[in-house]
Amino acid sequence: MQDLRGAFEKHQIPIYFVAVIAAAVVALTVSGTTVLERAINPALAVMLYVTFLQVPIAELRRAFGQVQFLAALMLGNFIAVPVLVWALVQFLPAEPMLRLGVLLVLLTPCIDYVVTFAHIGRADSRLLLASTPVLLVMQMVLLPGYLGLFLGEHAASLVQVGPFIHAFVWLIAVPLALAAVTQLWAAKRPSGARAFAIMGLLPVPTTALVLFVVVVAVLPQLGPAIGSALQVVPIYGVFAVVAPVLGWLVARMFRLDAPAGRAMAFSTGTRNSLVVLPLALAVPGAIPILPAVVVTQTLVELLGELAYIRLIKKLR
């Protein structure tokens, strides 16, 4: 079983590329695939559950005590990254919906599948896991202020917190609780230990499943606003390159160890696009530009994550 798990991890990059290519083919040849948008959150929840299983829940108390890491995480995500985003937005046309979409997605650090990618990329996923409640609360509090600063108070008033709470409950709290119960079962029953070992094979396959579902669901939505989508691709590309570097530099400044530094790089480079998509759809007059801008970031980021899990794990 360990050999199979090792094979999955060794060949994860080709597996993910196959998933993305297959999803693109399906999305472009089969009508009605946007209905799979409802499957994104369940797929993410399953992926996070099997990832959380790999992180000993009993050790999370240690992660909560890492005040230095949390301070670095706050500085990286809520000071360094917003400065970068402000600079990047200056290169966009003065189109409110276009800029709002970019700001929504780039100002919100990921609270869900970043843990999976960080785990695969040999970062300290326990630290990221423990920090997700703090990241969620901070982005809910600060996002309206940043939007008001960058776009004006009217734009800030369009943000709703409901989707953030929903994502935290179903993508973080519930999978984490189930993982804790499963670990307890595995520690006390042979049947639980066997199930735990089998589920240890699943992080890479479930990540591939999420990639497939997301691409199949969101790719058709880019059509009506392809021009807007193409305008933001260079911005997202630059962000994907620069943001992890910022995270790593902040980690060096705080003298974090290598796994914690990798976690910083993953966090600053990975955004909350799947969570802010409902926010974007709730904005009056959002369709088609706003969702197209947000889901374009998802596609760029997924490709970026494939590079991250190969490159960031080499950071020392």
C-alpha atoms as a PDB file:
ATOM      1  CA  MET A   1       0.000   0.000   0.000  1.00  0.00           C
ATOM      2  CA  GLN A   2       2.892   2.340   0.762  1.00  0.00           C
ATOM      3  CA  ASP A   3       4.302   1.593  -2.698  1.00  0.00           C
ATOM      4  CA  LEU A   4       1.035   2.659  -4.333  1.00  0.00           C
ATOM      5  CA  ARG A   5       0.918   5.837  -2.278  1.00  0.00           C
ATOM      6  CA  GLY A   6       4.515   6.568  -3.231  1.00  0.00           C
ATOM      7  CA  ALA A   7       3.670   6.030  -6.902  1.00  0.00           C
ATOM      8  CA  PHE A   8       0.756   8.478  -6.669  1.00  0.00           C
ATOM      9  CA  GLU A   9       2.950  11.125  -5.088  1.00  0.00           C
ATOM     10  CA  LYS A  10       5.813  10.543  -7.539  1.00  0.00           C
ATOM     11  CA  HIS A  11       3.537  10.876 -10.579  1.00  0.00           C
ATOM     12  CA  GLN A  12       1.138  13.483  -9.197  1.00  0.00           C
ATOM     13  CA  ILE A  13       2.054  16.178 -11.731  1.00  0.00           C
ATOM     14  CA  PRO A  14       1.136  14.018 -14.780  1.00  0.00           C
ATOM     15  CA  ILE A  15      -2.014  12.849 -12.963  1.00  0.00           C
ATOM     16  CA  TYR A  16      -3.146  16.423 -12.392  1.00  0.00           C
ATOM     17  CA  PHE A  17      -2.389  17.476 -15.949  1.00  0.00           C
ATOM     18  CA  VAL A  18      -4.403  14.542 -17.281  1.00  0.00           C
ATOM     19  CA  ALA A  19      -7.308  15.561 -15.021  1.00  0.00           C
ATOM     20  CA  VAL A  20      -7.203  19.166 -16.255  1.00  0.00           C
ATOM     21  CA  ILE A  21      -6.924  18.199 -19.932  1.00  0.00           C
ATOM     22  CA  ALA A  22      -9.729  15.636 -19.659  1.00  0.00           C
ATOM     23  CA  ALA A  23     -11.931  18.205 -17.922  1.00  0.00           C
ATOM     24  CA  ALA A  24     -11.249  20.798 -20.614  1.00  0.00           C
ATOM     25  CA  VAL A  25     -12.218  18.304 -23.328  1.00  0.00           C
ATOM     26  CA  VAL A  26     -15.445  17.438 -21.515  1.00  0.00           C
ATOM     27  CA  ALA A  27     -16.290  21.091 -20.864  1.00  0.00           C
ATOM     28  CA  LEU A  28     -15.791  22.016 -24.510  1.00  0.00           C
ATOM     29  CA  THR A  29     -17.626  19.044 -26.003  1.00  0.00           C
ATOM     30  CA  VAL A  30     -20.480  18.323 -23.584  1.00  0.00           C
ATOM     31  CA  SER A  31     -23.272  20.806 -22.934  1.00  0.00           C
ATOM     32  CA  GLY A  32     -24.654  21.536 -19.494  1.00  0.00           C
ATOM     33  CA  THR A  33     -21.490  20.802 -17.520  1.00  0.00           C
ATOM     34  CA  THR A  34     -21.943  23.975 -15.467  1.00  0.00           C
ATOM     35  CA  VAL A  35     -24.371  22.025 -13.275  1.00  0.00           C
ATOM     36  CA  LEU A  36     -21.287  20.380 -11.785  1.00  0.00           C
ATOM     37  CA  GLU A  37     -20.621  23.670 -10.015  1.00  0.00           C
ATOM     38  CA  ARG A  38     -22.735  22.210  -7.206  1.00  0.00           C
ATOM     39  CA  ALA A  39     -20.209  19.378  -6.884  1.00  0.00           C
ATOM     40  CA  ILE A  40     -17.199  21.655  -6.275  1.00  0.00           C
ATOM     41  CA  ASN A  41     -17.718  22.111  -2.541  1.00  0.00           C
ATOM     42  CA  PRO A  42     -18.487  18.421  -1.842  1.00  0.00           C
ATOM     43  CA  ALA A  43     -15.400  17.415  -3.837  1.00  0.00           C
ATOM     44  CA  LEU A  44     -13.309  19.943  -1.923  1.00  0.00           C
ATOM     45  CA  ALA A  45     -14.721  18.661   1.376  1.00  0.00           C
ATOM     46  CA  VAL A  46     -13.714  15.085   0.529  1.00  0.00           C
ATOM     47  CA  MET A  47     -10.257  16.199  -0.545  1.00  0.00           C
ATOM     48  CA  LEU A  48      -9.755  18.171   2.665  1.00  0.00           C
ATOM     49  CA  TYR A  49     -11.033  15.277   4.781  1.00  0.00           C
ATOM     50  CA  VAL A  50      -8.448  12.850   3.408  1.00  0.00           C
ATOM     51  CA  THR A  51      -5.778  15.532   3.735  1.00  0.00           C
ATOM     52  CA  PHE A  52      -6.695  16.303   7.340  1.00  0.00           C
ATOM     53  CA  LEU A  53      -6.373  12.580   8.022  1.00  0.00           C
ATOM     54  CA  GLN A  54      -2.673  12.862   7.245  1.00  0.00           C
ATOM     55  CA  VAL A  55      -2.232  15.603   9.865  1.00  0.00           C
ATOM     56  CA  PRO A  56      -2.327  14.289  13.467  1.00  0.00           C
ATOM     57  CA  ILE A  57      -5.163  16.268  14.999  1.00  0.00           C
ATOM     58  CA  ALA A  58      -3.607  15.856  18.439  1.00  0.00           C
ATOM     59  CA  GLU A  59      -0.664  18.011  17.328  1.00  0.00           C
ATOM     60  CA  LEU A  60      -2.815  20.989  16.331  1.00  0.00           C
ATOM     61  CA  ARG A  61      -2.396  22.502  19.806  1.00  0.00           C
ATOM     62  CA  ARG A  62       1.300  22.874  19.027  1.00  0.00           C
ATOM     63  CA  ALA A  63       0.464  24.708  15.807  1.00  0.00           C
ATOM     64  CA  PHE A  64      -1.843  27.145  17.646  1.00  0.00           C
ATOM     65  CA  GLY A  65       1.086  28.029  19.864  1.00  0.00           C
ATOM     66  CA  GLN A  66       3.204  29.149  16.908  1.00  0.00           C
ATOM     67  CA  VAL A  67       2.622  32.877  17.443  1.00  0.00           C
ATOM     68  CA  GLN A  68       5.586  33.804  15.279  1.00  0.00           C
ATOM     69  CA  PHE A  69       4.167  31.901  12.306  1.00  0.00           C
ATOM     70  CA  LEU A  70       0.738  33.489  12.731  1.00  0.00           C
ATOM     71  CA  ALA A  71       2.306  36.945  12.872  1.00  0.00           C
ATOM     72  CA  ALA A  72       4.239  36.230   9.684  1.00  0.00           C
ATOM     73  CA  LEU A  73       1.090  34.863   8.040  1.00  0.00           C
ATOM     74  CA  MET A  74      -0.857  38.014   8.879  1.00  0.00           C
ATOM     75  CA  LEU A  75       1.921  40.289   7.618  1.00  0.00           C
ATOM     76  CA  GLY A  76       2.317  38.315   4.412  1.00  0.00           C
ATOM     77  CA  ASN A  77      -1.370  37.956   3.532  1.00  0.00           C
ATOM     78  CA  PHE A  78      -2.794  41.230   4.789  1.00  0.00           C
ATOM     79  CA  ILE A  79       0.016  43.741   4.254  1.00  0.00           C
ATOM     80  CA  ALA A  80       2.551  42.457   1.699  1.00  0.00           C
ATOM     81  CA  VAL A  81       0.002  40.829  -0.635  1.00  0.00           C
ATOM     82  CA  PRO A  82      -2.422  43.813  -0.670  1.00  0.00           C
ATOM     83  CA  VAL A  83       0.481  46.098  -1.619  1.00  0.00           C
ATOM     84  CA  LEU A  84       1.305  43.743  -4.500  1.00  0.00           C
ATOM     85  CA  VAL A  85      -2.357  43.590  -5.539  1.00  0.00           C
ATOM     86  CA  TRP A  86      -2.692  47.373  -5.484  1.00  0.00           C
ATOM     87  CA  ALA A  87       0.326  47.661  -7.766  1.00  0.00           C
ATOM     88  CA  LEU A  88      -1.019  45.030 -10.176  1.00  0.00           C
ATOM     89  CA  VAL A  89      -4.494  46.559 -10.361  1.00  0.00           C
ATOM     90  CA  GLN A  90      -2.982  49.785 -11.702  1.00  0.00           C
ATOM     91  CA  PHE A  91      -2.304  47.931 -14.972  1.00  0.00           C
ATOM     92  CA  LEU A  92      -6.006  47.088 -15.471  1.00  0.00           C
ATOM     93  CA  PRO A  93      -8.570  49.229 -17.316  1.00  0.00           C
ATOM     94  CA  ALA A  94     -10.700  51.426 -15.058  1.00  0.00           C
ATOM     95  CA  GLU A  95     -13.640  49.012 -15.345  1.00  0.00           C
ATOM     96  CA  PRO A  96     -15.282  48.625 -11.896  1.00  0.00           C
ATOM     97  CA  MET A  97     -16.472  45.028 -12.366  1.00  0.00           C
ATOM     98  CA  LEU A  98     -13.127  43.938 -13.756  1.00  0.00           C
ATOM     99  CA  ARG A  99     -11.205  45.450 -10.876  1.00  0.00           C
ATOM    100  CA  LEU A 100     -13.710  44.266  -8.279  1.00  0.00           C
ATOM    101  CA  GLY A 101     -13.326  40.673  -9.465  1.00  0.00           C
ATOM    102  CA  VAL A 102      -9.540  40.824  -9.300  1.00  0.00           C
ATOM    103  CA  LEU A 103      -9.596  42.413  -5.848  1.00  0.00           C
ATOM    104  CA  LEU A 104     -12.156  39.952  -4.491  1.00  0.00           C
ATOM    105  CA  VAL A 105     -10.040  36.977  -5.386  1.00  0.00           C
ATOM    106  CA  LEU A 106      -6.500  38.252  -4.830  1.00  0.00           C
ATOM    107  CA  LEU A 107      -7.139  39.876  -1.440  1.00  0.00           C
ATOM    108  CA  THR A 108      -8.544  36.711   0.158  1.00  0.00           C
ATOM    109  CA  PRO A 109      -6.100  33.977   1.237  1.00  0.00           C
ATOM    110  CA  CYS A 110      -7.231  30.400   0.693  1.00  0.00           C
ATOM    111  CA  ILE A 111      -8.718  28.489   3.622  1.00  0.00           C
ATOM    112  CA  ASP A 112      -9.385  25.155   1.965  1.00  0.00           C
ATOM    113  CA  TYR A 113      -7.328  23.318  -0.654  1.00  0.00           C
ATOM    114  CA  VAL A 114      -4.149  25.221   0.177  1.00  0.00           C
ATOM    115  CA  VAL A 115      -3.768  22.714   3.033  1.00  0.00           C
ATOM    116  CA  THR A 116      -3.804  19.847   0.540  1.00  0.00           C
ATOM    117  CA  PHE A 117      -1.260  21.414  -1.787  1.00  0.00           C
ATOM    118  CA  ALA A 118       0.942  22.457   1.128  1.00  0.00           C
ATOM    119  CA  HIS A 119       0.884  18.903   2.476  1.00  0.00           C
ATOM    120  CA  ILE A 120       1.924  17.512  -0.905  1.00  0.00           C
ATOM    121  CA  GLY A 121       4.542  20.266  -1.264  1.00  0.00           C
ATOM    122  CA  ARG A 122       6.224  19.262   2.025  1.00  0.00           C
ATOM    123  CA  ALA A 123       5.154  22.397   3.845  1.00  0.00           C
ATOM    124  CA  ASP A 124       3.960  22.406   7.456  1.00  0.00           C
ATOM    125  CA  SER A 125       0.281  21.823   6.687  1.00  0.00           C
ATOM    126  CA  ARG A 126      -0.528  21.620  10.418  1.00  0.00           C
ATOM    127  CA  LEU A 127       0.339  25.286  10.784  1.00  0.00           C
ATOM    128  CA  LEU A 128      -1.890  26.229   7.850  1.00  0.00           C
ATOM    129  CA  LEU A 129      -4.678  24.019   9.161  1.00  0.00           C
ATOM    130  CA  ALA A 130      -4.534  25.663  12.579  1.00  0.00           C
ATOM    131  CA  SER A 131      -4.477  29.144  11.038  1.00  0.00           C
ATOM    132  CA  THR A 132      -7.574  28.746   8.818  1.00  0.00           C
ATOM    133  CA  PRO A 133     -10.021  30.224  11.377  1.00  0.00           C
ATOM    134  CA  VAL A 134      -7.774  33.261  11.843  1.00  0.00           C
ATOM    135  CA  LEU A 135      -7.393  33.726   8.087  1.00  0.00           C
ATOM    136  CA  LEU A 136     -11.156  33.467   7.588  1.00  0.00           C
ATOM    137  CA  VAL A 137     -12.000  36.026  10.262  1.00  0.00           C
ATOM    138  CA  MET A 138      -9.281  38.446   9.163  1.00  0.00           C
ATOM    139  CA  GLN A 139     -10.316  38.409   5.511  1.00  0.00           C
ATOM    140  CA  MET A 140     -13.980  38.911   6.398  1.00  0.00           C
ATOM    141  CA  VAL A 141     -13.052  41.900   8.553  1.00  0.00           C
ATOM    142  CA  LEU A 142     -10.479  43.449   6.222  1.00  0.00           C
ATOM    143  CA  LEU A 143     -11.912  42.779   2.739  1.00  0.00           C
ATOM    144  CA  PRO A 144     -14.604  45.512   2.875  1.00  0.00           C
ATOM    145  CA  GLY A 145     -11.974  47.995   4.043  1.00  0.00           C
ATOM    146  CA  TYR A 146      -9.565  47.083   1.262  1.00  0.00           C
ATOM    147  CA  LEU A 147     -12.326  47.287  -1.354  1.00  0.00           C
ATOM    148  CA  GLY A 148     -13.352  50.659   0.017  1.00  0.00           C
ATOM    149  CA  LEU A 149      -9.737  51.848  -0.120  1.00  0.00           C
ATOM    150  CA  PHE A 150      -9.145  50.590  -3.666  1.00  0.00           C
ATOM    151  CA  LEU A 151     -12.586  51.125  -5.249  1.00  0.00           C
ATOM    152  CA  GLY A 152     -14.738  53.266  -2.946  1.00  0.00           C
ATOM    153  CA  GLU A 153     -17.288  52.529  -0.225  1.00  0.00           C
ATOM    154  CA  HIS A 154     -20.000  51.401  -2.663  1.00  0.00           C
ATOM    155  CA  ALA A 155     -17.927  48.442  -3.765  1.00  0.00           C
ATOM    156  CA  ALA A 156     -17.158  47.491  -0.166  1.00  0.00           C
ATOM    157  CA  SER A 157     -20.856  47.391   0.722  1.00  0.00           C
ATOM    158  CA  LEU A 158     -21.449  44.648  -1.884  1.00  0.00           C
ATOM    159  CA  VAL A 159     -19.500  42.026   0.096  1.00  0.00           C
ATOM    160  CA  GLN A 160     -21.504  39.507   2.152  1.00  0.00           C
ATOM    161  CA  VAL A 161     -20.061  37.226   4.825  1.00  0.00           C
ATOM    162  CA  GLY A 162     -22.531  34.351   4.440  1.00  0.00           C
ATOM    163  CA  PRO A 163     -20.516  32.403   1.840  1.00  0.00           C
ATOM    164  CA  PHE A 164     -17.386  32.703   3.988  1.00  0.00           C
ATOM    165  CA  ILE A 165     -19.168  31.181   6.998  1.00  0.00           C
ATOM    166  CA  HIS A 166     -20.668  28.446   4.815  1.00  0.00           C
ATOM    167  CA  ALA A 167     -17.241  27.571   3.420  1.00  0.00           C
ATOM    168  CA  PHE A 168     -15.650  27.461   6.861  1.00  0.00           C
ATOM    169  CA  VAL A 169     -18.320  25.118   8.261  1.00  0.00           C
ATOM    170  CA  TRP A 170     -18.481  22.669   5.358  1.00  0.00           C
ATOM    171  CA  LEU A 171     -14.933  22.827   4.009  1.00  0.00           C
ATOM    172  CA  ILE A 172     -12.977  23.196   7.250  1.00  0.00           C
ATOM    173  CA  ALA A 173     -14.944  22.387  10.418  1.00  0.00           C
ATOM    174  CA  VAL A 174     -16.889  19.332   9.239  1.00  0.00           C
ATOM    175  CA  PRO A 175     -13.993  17.587   7.400  1.00  0.00           C
ATOM    176  CA  LEU A 176     -11.698  18.339  10.338  1.00  0.00           C
ATOM    177  CA  ALA A 177     -14.159  16.886  12.848  1.00  0.00           C
ATOM    178  CA  LEU A 178     -14.632  13.783  10.703  1.00  0.00           C
ATOM    179  CA  ALA A 179     -10.863  13.400  10.392  1.00  0.00           C
ATOM    180  CA  ALA A 180     -10.505  13.600  14.183  1.00  0.00           C
ATOM    181  CA  VAL A 181     -13.188  10.936  14.653  1.00  0.00           C
ATOM    182  CA  THR A 182     -11.536   8.720  12.042  1.00  0.00           C
ATOM    183  CA  GLN A 183      -8.136   9.051  13.692  1.00  0.00           C
ATOM    184  CA  LEU A 184      -9.662   8.110  17.035  1.00  0.00           C
ATOM    185  CA  TRP A 185     -11.330   5.094  15.403  1.00  0.00           C
ATOM    186  CA  ALA A 186      -8.045   4.058  13.796  1.00  0.00           C
ATOM    187  CA  ALA A 187      -6.266   4.266  17.144  1.00  0.00           C
ATOM    188  CA  LYS A 188      -8.789   2.021  18.902  1.00  0.00           C
ATOM    189  CA  ARG A 189     -10.004  -0.486  16.316  1.00  0.00           C
ATOM    190  CA  PRO A 190      -8.155  -2.659  13.743  1.00  0.00           C
ATOM    191  CA  SER A 191     -10.943  -1.950  11.258  1.00  0.00           C
ATOM    192  CA  GLY A 192     -10.321   1.766  11.736  1.00  0.00           C
ATOM    193  CA  ALA A 193      -6.595   1.301  11.200  1.00  0.00           C
ATOM    194  CA  ARG A 194      -7.257  -0.550   7.927  1.00  0.00           C
ATOM    195  CA  ALA A 195      -9.658   2.149   6.738  1.00  0.00           C
ATOM    196  CA  PHE A 196      -7.150   4.825   7.727  1.00  0.00           C
ATOM    197  CA  ALA A 197      -4.423   3.117   5.700  1.00  0.00           C
ATOM    198  CA  ILE A 198      -6.666   2.867   2.628  1.00  0.00           C
ATOM    199  CA  MET A 199      -7.670   6.528   2.863  1.00  0.00           C
ATOM    200  CA  GLY A 200      -3.992   7.411   3.025  1.00  0.00           C
ATOM    201  CA  LEU A 201      -3.910   6.581  -0.697  1.00  0.00           C
ATOM    202  CA  LEU A 202      -6.504   9.211  -1.569  1.00  0.00           C
ATOM    203  CA  PRO A 203      -4.955  12.713  -1.330  1.00  0.00           C
ATOM    204  CA  VAL A 204      -3.618  12.704  -4.899  1.00  0.00           C
ATOM    205  CA  PRO A 205      -6.703  11.053  -6.520  1.00  0.00           C
ATOM    206  CA  THR A 206      -9.112  13.377  -4.689  1.00  0.00           C
ATOM    207  CA  THR A 207      -7.062  16.423  -5.667  1.00  0.00           C
ATOM    208  CA  ALA A 208      -7.240  15.260  -9.282  1.00  0.00           C
ATOM    209  CA  LEU A 209     -11.006  14.883  -8.883  1.00  0.00           C
ATOM    210  CA  VAL A 210     -11.320  18.452  -7.607  1.00  0.00           C
ATOM    211  CA  LEU A 211      -9.292  19.752 -10.527  1.00  0.00           C
ATOM    212  CA  PHE A 212     -11.538  17.848 -12.938  1.00  0.00           C
ATOM    213  CA  VAL A 213     -14.788  19.086 -11.365  1.00  0.00           C
ATOM    214  CA  VAL A 214     -13.659  22.715 -11.139  1.00  0.00           C
ATOM    215  CA  VAL A 215     -12.460  22.915 -14.743  1.00  0.00           C
ATOM    216  CA  VAL A 216     -15.538  21.119 -16.119  1.00  0.00           C
ATOM    217  CA  ALA A 217     -17.840  23.416 -14.160  1.00  0.00           C
ATOM    218  CA  VAL A 218     -16.181  26.795 -14.704  1.00  0.00           C
ATOM    219  CA  LEU A 219     -14.620  26.642 -18.162  1.00  0.00           C
ATOM    220  CA  PRO A 220     -17.931  27.122 -20.050  1.00  0.00           C
ATOM    221  CA  GLN A 221     -18.610  30.262 -18.003  1.00  0.00           C
ATOM    222  CA  LEU A 222     -15.635  32.037 -19.537  1.00  0.00           C
ATOM    223  CA  GLY A 223     -17.163  32.230 -23.014  1.00  0.00           C
ATOM    224  CA  PRO A 224     -19.449  35.286 -22.684  1.00  0.00           C
ATOM    225  CA  ALA A 225     -16.679  37.365 -21.123  1.00  0.00           C
ATOM    226  CA  ILE A 226     -13.574  35.953 -22.764  1.00  0.00           C
ATOM    227  CA  GLY A 227     -12.177  39.434 -23.391  1.00  0.00           C
ATOM    228  CA  SER A 228     -12.304  40.313 -19.698  1.00  0.00           C
ATOM    229  CA  ALA A 229     -10.826  36.928 -18.808  1.00  0.00           C
ATOM    230  CA  LEU A 230      -7.878  37.432 -21.136  1.00  0.00           C
ATOM    231  CA  GLN A 231      -7.190  40.905 -19.712  1.00  0.00           C
ATOM    232  CA  VAL A 232      -6.654  39.540 -16.210  1.00  0.00           C
ATOM    233  CA  VAL A 233      -4.548  36.487 -17.106  1.00  0.00           C
ATOM    234  CA  PRO A 234      -1.230  38.433 -17.095  1.00  0.00           C
ATOM    235  CA  ILE A 235      -2.130  39.953 -13.718  1.00  0.00           C
ATOM    236  CA  TYR A 236      -2.844  36.520 -12.267  1.00  0.00           C
ATOM    237  CA  GLY A 237       0.309  35.128 -13.812  1.00  0.00           C
ATOM    238  CA  VAL A 238       2.502  37.799 -12.240  1.00  0.00           C
ATOM    239  CA  PHE A 239       0.752  37.321  -8.908  1.00  0.00           C
ATOM    240  CA  ALA A 240       1.318  33.558  -9.048  1.00  0.00           C
ATOM    241  CA  VAL A 241       5.050  34.160  -9.471  1.00  0.00           C
ATOM    242  CA  VAL A 242       5.598  37.063  -7.069  1.00  0.00           C
ATOM    243  CA  ALA A 243       3.235  36.261  -4.172  1.00  0.00           C
ATOM    244  CA  PRO A 244       4.948  33.013  -3.050  1.00  0.00           C
ATOM    245  CA  VAL A 245       8.290  34.809  -3.157  1.00  0.00           C
ATOM    246  CA  LEU A 246       6.863  37.489  -0.876  1.00  0.00           C
ATOM    247  CA  GLY A 247       5.653  34.811   1.500  1.00  0.00           C
ATOM    248  CA  TRP A 248       9.044  33.134   1.563  1.00  0.00           C
ATOM    249  CA  LEU A 249      10.809  36.474   2.175  1.00  0.00           C
ATOM    250  CA  VAL A 250       8.487  37.276   5.073  1.00  0.00           C
ATOM    251  CA  ALA A 251       9.197  33.809   6.477  1.00  0.00           C
ATOM    252  CA  ARG A 252      12.942  34.484   6.229  1.00  0.00           C
ATOM    253  CA  MET A 253      12.435  37.813   7.970  1.00  0.00           C
ATOM    254  CA  PHE A 254      10.692  36.015  10.854  1.00  0.00           C
ATOM    255  CA  ARG A 255      13.360  33.264  10.768  1.00  0.00           C
ATOM    256  CA  LEU A 256      10.830  30.485  10.358  1.00  0.00           C
ATOM    257  CA  ASP A 257      12.081  26.992   9.627  1.00  0.00           C
ATOM    258  CA  ALA A 258      11.893  25.602   6.076  1.00  0.00           C
ATOM    259  CA  PRO A 259       8.522  23.745   6.386  1.00  0.00           C
ATOM    260  CA  ALA A 260       6.896  26.829   7.913  1.00  0.00           C
ATOM    261  CA  GLY A 261       8.466  29.007   5.212  1.00  0.00           C
ATOM    262  CA  ARG A 262       7.028  26.738   2.531  1.00  0.00           C
ATOM    263  CA  ALA A 263       3.635  27.024   4.215  1.00  0.00           C
ATOM    264  CA  MET A 264       3.975  30.812   4.028  1.00  0.00           C
ATOM    265  CA  ALA A 265       4.787  30.628   0.310  1.00  0.00           C
ATOM    266  CA  PHE A 266       1.756  28.418  -0.350  1.00  0.00           C
ATOM    267  CA  SER A 267      -0.547  30.684   1.664  1.00  0.00           C
ATOM    268  CA  THR A 268       0.468  33.955   0.024  1.00  0.00           C
ATOM    269  CA  GLY A 269       0.347  32.356  -3.428  1.00  0.00           C
ATOM    270  CA  THR A 270      -3.022  30.589  -3.055  1.00  0.00           C
ATOM    271  CA  ARG A 271      -6.266  32.536  -3.098  1.00  0.00           C
ATOM    272  CA  ASN A 272      -9.858  31.906  -1.994  1.00  0.00           C
ATOM    273  CA  SER A 273     -11.364  31.899  -5.493  1.00  0.00           C
ATOM    274  CA  LEU A 274     -13.815  29.056  -4.889  1.00  0.00           C
ATOM    275  CA  VAL A 275     -15.141  30.748  -1.762  1.00  0.00           C
ATOM    276  CA  VAL A 276     -15.464  34.242  -3.226  1.00  0.00           C
ATOM    277  CA  LEU A 277     -17.255  32.993  -6.354  1.00  0.00           C
ATOM    278  CA  PRO A 278     -20.644  33.092  -4.542  1.00  0.00           C
ATOM    279  CA  LEU A 279     -19.783  36.616  -3.409  1.00  0.00           C
ATOM    280  CA  ALA A 280     -19.112  37.593  -7.004  1.00  0.00           C
ATOM    281  CA  LEU A 281     -22.359  36.039  -8.233  1.00  0.00           C
ATOM    282  CA  ALA A 282     -24.309  37.952  -5.575  1.00  0.00           C
ATOM    283  CA  VAL A 283     -23.136  41.363  -6.849  1.00  0.00           C
ATOM    284  CA  PRO A 284     -25.840  43.135  -8.921  1.00  0.00           C
ATOM    285  CA  GLY A 285     -24.903  43.155 -12.602  1.00  0.00           C
ATOM    286  CA  ALA A 286     -22.018  40.771 -11.981  1.00  0.00           C
ATOM    287  CA  ILE A 287     -22.725  38.333 -14.812  1.00  0.00           C
ATOM    288  CA  PRO A 288     -20.840  37.674 -17.019  1.00  0.00           C
ATOM    289  CA  ILE A 289     -17.724  39.741 -16.213  1.00  0.00           C
ATOM    290  CA  LEU A 290     -17.309  39.185 -12.471  1.00  0.00           C
ATOM    291  CA  PRO A 291     -17.606  35.382 -12.401  1.00  0.00           C
ATOM    292  CA  ALA A 292     -15.418  35.136 -15.500  1.00  0.00           C
ATOM    293  CA  VAL A 293     -12.697  37.163 -13.785  1.00  0.00           C
ATOM    294  CA  VAL A 294     -12.911  35.014 -10.646  1.00  0.00           C
ATOM    295  CA  VAL A 295     -12.967  31.606 -12.351  1.00  0.00           C
ATOM    296  CA  THR A 296     -10.097  32.640 -14.619  1.00  0.00           C
ATOM    297  CA  GLN A 297      -8.020  33.059 -11.480  1.00  0.00           C
ATOM    298  CA  THR A 298      -9.044  29.540 -10.437  1.00  0.00           C
ATOM    299  CA  LEU A 299      -7.716  28.078 -13.670  1.00  0.00           C
ATOM    300  CA  VAL A 300      -4.472  30.071 -13.540  1.00  0.00           C
ATOM    301  CA  GLU A 301      -3.990  29.164  -9.897  1.00  0.00           C
ATOM    302  CA  LEU A 302      -4.559  25.444 -10.419  1.00  0.00           C
ATOM    303  CA  LEU A 303      -1.790  25.448 -12.983  1.00  0.00           C
ATOM    304  CA  GLY A 304       0.332  27.480 -10.598  1.00  0.00           C
ATOM    305  CA  GLU A 305      -0.242  24.983  -7.793  1.00  0.00           C
ATOM    306  CA  LEU A 306       1.142  22.234  -9.992  1.00  0.00           C
ATOM    307  CA  ALA A 307       4.348  24.231 -10.207  1.00  0.00           C
ATOM    308  CA  TYR A 308       4.290  25.119  -6.509  1.00  0.00           C
ATOM    309  CA  ILE A 309       4.161  21.534  -5.282  1.00  0.00           C
ATOM    310  CA  ARG A 310       7.232  20.787  -7.360  1.00  0.00           C
ATOM    311  CA  LEU A 311       9.253  23.964  -6.717  1.00  0.00           C
ATOM    312  CA  ILE A 312       8.318  25.163  -3.233  1.00  0.00           C
ATOM    313  CA  LYS A 313       9.197  21.838  -1.643  1.00  0.00           C
ATOM    314  CA  LYS A 314      12.806  22.491  -2.737  1.00  0.00           C
ATOM    315  CA  LEU A 315      13.059  25.647  -0.626  1.00  0.00           C
ATOM    316  CA  ARG A 316      15.395  25.245   2.364  1.00  0.00           C
END
